[in-house]
Amino acid sequence: TTRVVDKVREVFNDYIPDVWIHTDHYKKGQAGDQAGYAVSLQAETTTGVILTKDFMFRPEAFPLPEDLGERCAQAMLDEIFTGGVIDSSNQAMLLLLAAVSAGDGISQVKISRVTEQSVHMMRHLKQFFNLQFRIESCQDDAYSSDSEDEEEGGMGDS
């Protein structure tokens, strides 16, 4: 796991050196036929938003521990760059919680690029709860750019 951490640190040192790196390591007997490990990154923005990225070792996806560390670090940097108040892996859950929240008010949330899971969740919420969503591009985001990919994300209302 130290090879994973070293690679993560190598990527982050140029950008954000204060990212917490949690590793988990299992010996061969505890994890089946081969040793297993995972990495969980957590970053807190200056506005208090906590972003996370988790990856676990799979030999077919990450032949070397350094590959796992680099992929996880790049994914965290992408998460930070796209902005939002929740990381992309938790968008669908946030939409569900907003849909079932008490009150008749409209929920608003600033998310990064809309994930495929979030689109499926919005379709399910429309089907089961008859909820409408409005997604707008966020104009006040310091990280927004003029590329097509960035225009898809923005503000979601339920």
Protein backbone atom coordinates (compact mmCIF):
# COMPACT_ATOMS: atom_id res chain seq x y z
CA THR A 1 0.00 0.00 0.00
CA THR A 2 2.93 2.34 0.43
CA ARG A 3 3.45 2.27 -3.34
CA VAL A 4 -0.17 3.43 -3.81
CA VAL A 5 0.24 6.25 -1.29
CA ASP A 6 3.55 7.33 -2.82
CA LYS A 7 1.95 7.64 -6.27
CA VAL A 8 -1.05 9.56 -4.89
CA ARG A 9 1.29 11.97 -3.09
CA GLU A 10 3.35 12.37 -6.28
CA VAL A 11 0.24 13.48 -8.21
CA PHE A 12 -1.17 15.71 -5.45
CA ASN A 13 1.98 17.50 -4.35
CA ASP A 14 1.72 19.93 -7.26
CA TYR A 15 -1.90 20.82 -6.44
CA ILE A 16 -3.19 20.05 -2.97
CA PRO A 17 -0.76 18.51 -0.51
CA ASP A 18 -3.26 18.24 2.36
CA VAL A 19 -5.44 15.38 1.09
CA TRP A 20 -6.08 12.58 3.56
CA ILE A 21 -5.10 9.16 2.22
CA HIS A 22 -6.62 6.08 3.86
CA THR A 23 -5.44 2.67 2.75
CA ASP A 24 -6.73 -0.76 3.57
CA HIS A 25 -4.62 -3.88 3.10
CA TYR A 26 -5.55 -7.54 3.42
CA LYS A 27 -3.07 -10.38 3.46
CA LYS A 28 -3.39 -13.21 0.99
CA GLY A 29 -5.30 -15.47 3.39
CA GLN A 30 -7.83 -12.75 4.28
CA ALA A 31 -8.58 -11.63 0.73
CA GLY A 32 -8.71 -14.91 -1.20
CA ASP A 33 -5.99 -16.01 -3.58
CA GLN A 34 -4.12 -12.74 -3.61
CA ALA A 35 -3.51 -9.76 -1.39
CA GLY A 36 -6.01 -6.93 -1.74
CA TYR A 37 -5.96 -3.24 -0.98
CA ALA A 38 -7.99 -0.10 -1.53
CA VAL A 39 -7.54 3.63 -1.29
CA SER A 40 -10.01 6.25 -0.12
CA LEU A 41 -9.31 9.92 -0.72
CA GLN A 42 -11.14 12.72 1.04
CA ALA A 43 -10.73 16.43 0.35
CA GLU A 44 -12.41 19.38 2.01
CA THR A 45 -12.87 22.60 0.06
CA THR A 46 -12.45 26.06 1.55
CA THR A 47 -16.27 26.28 1.72
CA GLY A 48 -16.55 23.07 3.76
CA VAL A 49 -17.61 20.70 0.97
CA ILE A 50 -16.19 17.21 1.47
CA LEU A 51 -15.39 15.23 -1.68
CA THR A 52 -14.37 11.58 -1.71
CA LYS A 53 -13.06 9.01 -4.17
CA ASP A 54 -12.68 5.33 -3.44
CA PHE A 55 -10.95 2.65 -5.51
CA MET A 56 -10.06 -0.94 -4.75
CA PHE A 57 -7.41 -3.05 -6.37
CA ARG A 58 -8.48 -5.23 -9.30
CA PRO A 59 -5.63 -6.85 -11.25
CA GLU A 60 -7.41 -6.47 -14.59
CA ALA A 61 -7.92 -2.72 -14.09
CA PHE A 62 -4.76 -1.84 -12.16
CA PRO A 63 -1.83 -4.18 -12.90
CA LEU A 64 0.46 -2.21 -10.56
CA PRO A 65 -0.26 -0.51 -7.23
CA GLU A 66 1.00 2.74 -8.74
CA ASP A 67 -1.72 2.52 -11.41
CA LEU A 68 -4.38 2.39 -8.70
CA GLY A 69 -2.85 5.38 -6.89
CA GLU A 70 -2.58 7.48 -10.03
CA ARG A 71 -6.15 6.70 -11.18
CA CYS A 72 -7.61 7.55 -7.78
CA ALA A 73 -5.63 10.80 -7.53
CA GLN A 74 -6.66 11.86 -11.07
CA ALA A 75 -10.31 11.06 -10.27
CA MET A 76 -10.14 13.24 -7.13
CA LEU A 77 -8.61 16.12 -9.07
CA ASP A 78 -11.40 15.77 -11.66
CA GLU A 79 -14.00 15.81 -8.87
CA ILE A 80 -12.49 19.01 -7.43
CA PHE A 81 -12.28 20.65 -10.86
CA THR A 82 -15.92 20.00 -11.76
CA GLY A 83 -17.16 21.64 -8.56
CA GLY A 84 -20.50 20.98 -6.92
CA VAL A 85 -21.47 20.42 -3.31
CA ILE A 86 -21.45 16.62 -3.52
CA ASP A 87 -19.16 14.20 -5.28
CA SER A 88 -20.43 12.39 -8.35
CA SER A 89 -20.65 9.00 -6.66
CA ASN A 90 -23.32 10.33 -4.25
CA GLN A 91 -25.45 12.44 -6.63
CA ALA A 92 -28.22 9.86 -7.03
CA MET A 93 -28.58 9.46 -3.26
CA LEU A 94 -28.81 13.22 -2.82
CA LEU A 95 -31.58 13.37 -5.44
CA LEU A 96 -33.50 10.63 -3.64
CA LEU A 97 -33.15 12.36 -0.28
CA ALA A 98 -34.31 15.67 -1.77
CA ALA A 99 -37.31 13.91 -3.31
CA VAL A 100 -38.49 12.35 -0.05
CA SER A 101 -37.68 15.33 2.17
CA ALA A 102 -40.45 16.84 4.25
CA GLY A 103 -42.16 19.98 3.11
CA ASP A 104 -43.59 21.33 -0.10
CA GLY A 105 -40.61 23.50 -1.01
CA ILE A 106 -38.33 23.09 -3.96
CA SER A 107 -34.94 21.54 -3.27
CA GLN A 108 -31.95 23.08 -5.02
CA VAL A 109 -28.49 21.62 -5.21
CA LYS A 110 -25.32 22.47 -7.07
CA ILE A 111 -23.83 19.33 -8.56
CA SER A 112 -20.96 18.72 -10.95
CA ARG A 113 -21.50 16.90 -14.23
CA VAL A 114 -24.70 14.90 -14.07
CA THR A 115 -23.83 11.20 -13.86
CA GLU A 116 -25.58 8.37 -15.67
CA GLN A 117 -26.77 7.04 -12.29
CA SER A 118 -28.33 10.42 -11.51
CA VAL A 119 -30.18 10.45 -14.82
CA HIS A 120 -31.58 6.99 -14.05
CA MET A 121 -32.54 8.13 -10.55
CA MET A 122 -34.37 11.18 -11.95
CA ARG A 123 -36.28 8.91 -14.34
CA HIS A 124 -37.28 6.62 -11.46
CA LEU A 125 -38.34 9.57 -9.31
CA LYS A 126 -40.44 10.90 -12.20
CA GLN A 127 -42.03 7.49 -12.66
CA PHE A 128 -42.73 6.72 -9.00
CA PHE A 129 -43.24 10.17 -7.43
CA ASN A 130 -44.17 12.23 -10.51
CA LEU A 131 -41.38 14.70 -9.75
CA GLN A 132 -40.07 17.19 -12.30
CA PHE A 133 -36.44 18.22 -12.50
CA ARG A 134 -34.90 21.32 -14.00
CA ILE A 135 -31.19 21.31 -14.72
CA GLU A 136 -29.49 24.59 -15.44
CA SER A 137 -25.93 25.53 -16.18
CA CYS A 138 -24.33 27.25 -13.21
CA GLN A 139 -23.04 30.68 -14.20
CA ASP A 140 -21.38 31.61 -10.89
CA ASP A 141 -19.03 28.64 -10.80
CA ALA A 142 -15.37 29.61 -10.79
CA TYR A 143 -14.49 26.27 -12.38
CA SER A 144 -16.93 26.39 -15.28
CA SER A 145 -15.61 26.47 -18.81
CA ASP A 146 -17.04 26.82 -22.27
CA SER A 147 -16.65 23.13 -23.18
CA GLU A 148 -19.72 21.03 -23.94
CA ASP A 149 -19.00 18.61 -21.10
CA GLU A 150 -19.15 21.36 -18.51
CA GLU A 151 -22.40 22.80 -19.85
CA GLU A 152 -24.26 19.57 -19.05
CA GLY A 153 -23.79 19.98 -15.28
CA GLY A 154 -25.23 22.66 -13.12
CA MET A 155 -28.21 23.22 -10.90
CA GLY A 156 -30.76 20.48 -10.26
CA ASP A 157 -34.21 21.15 -8.78
CA SER A 158 -36.68 18.62 -7.54
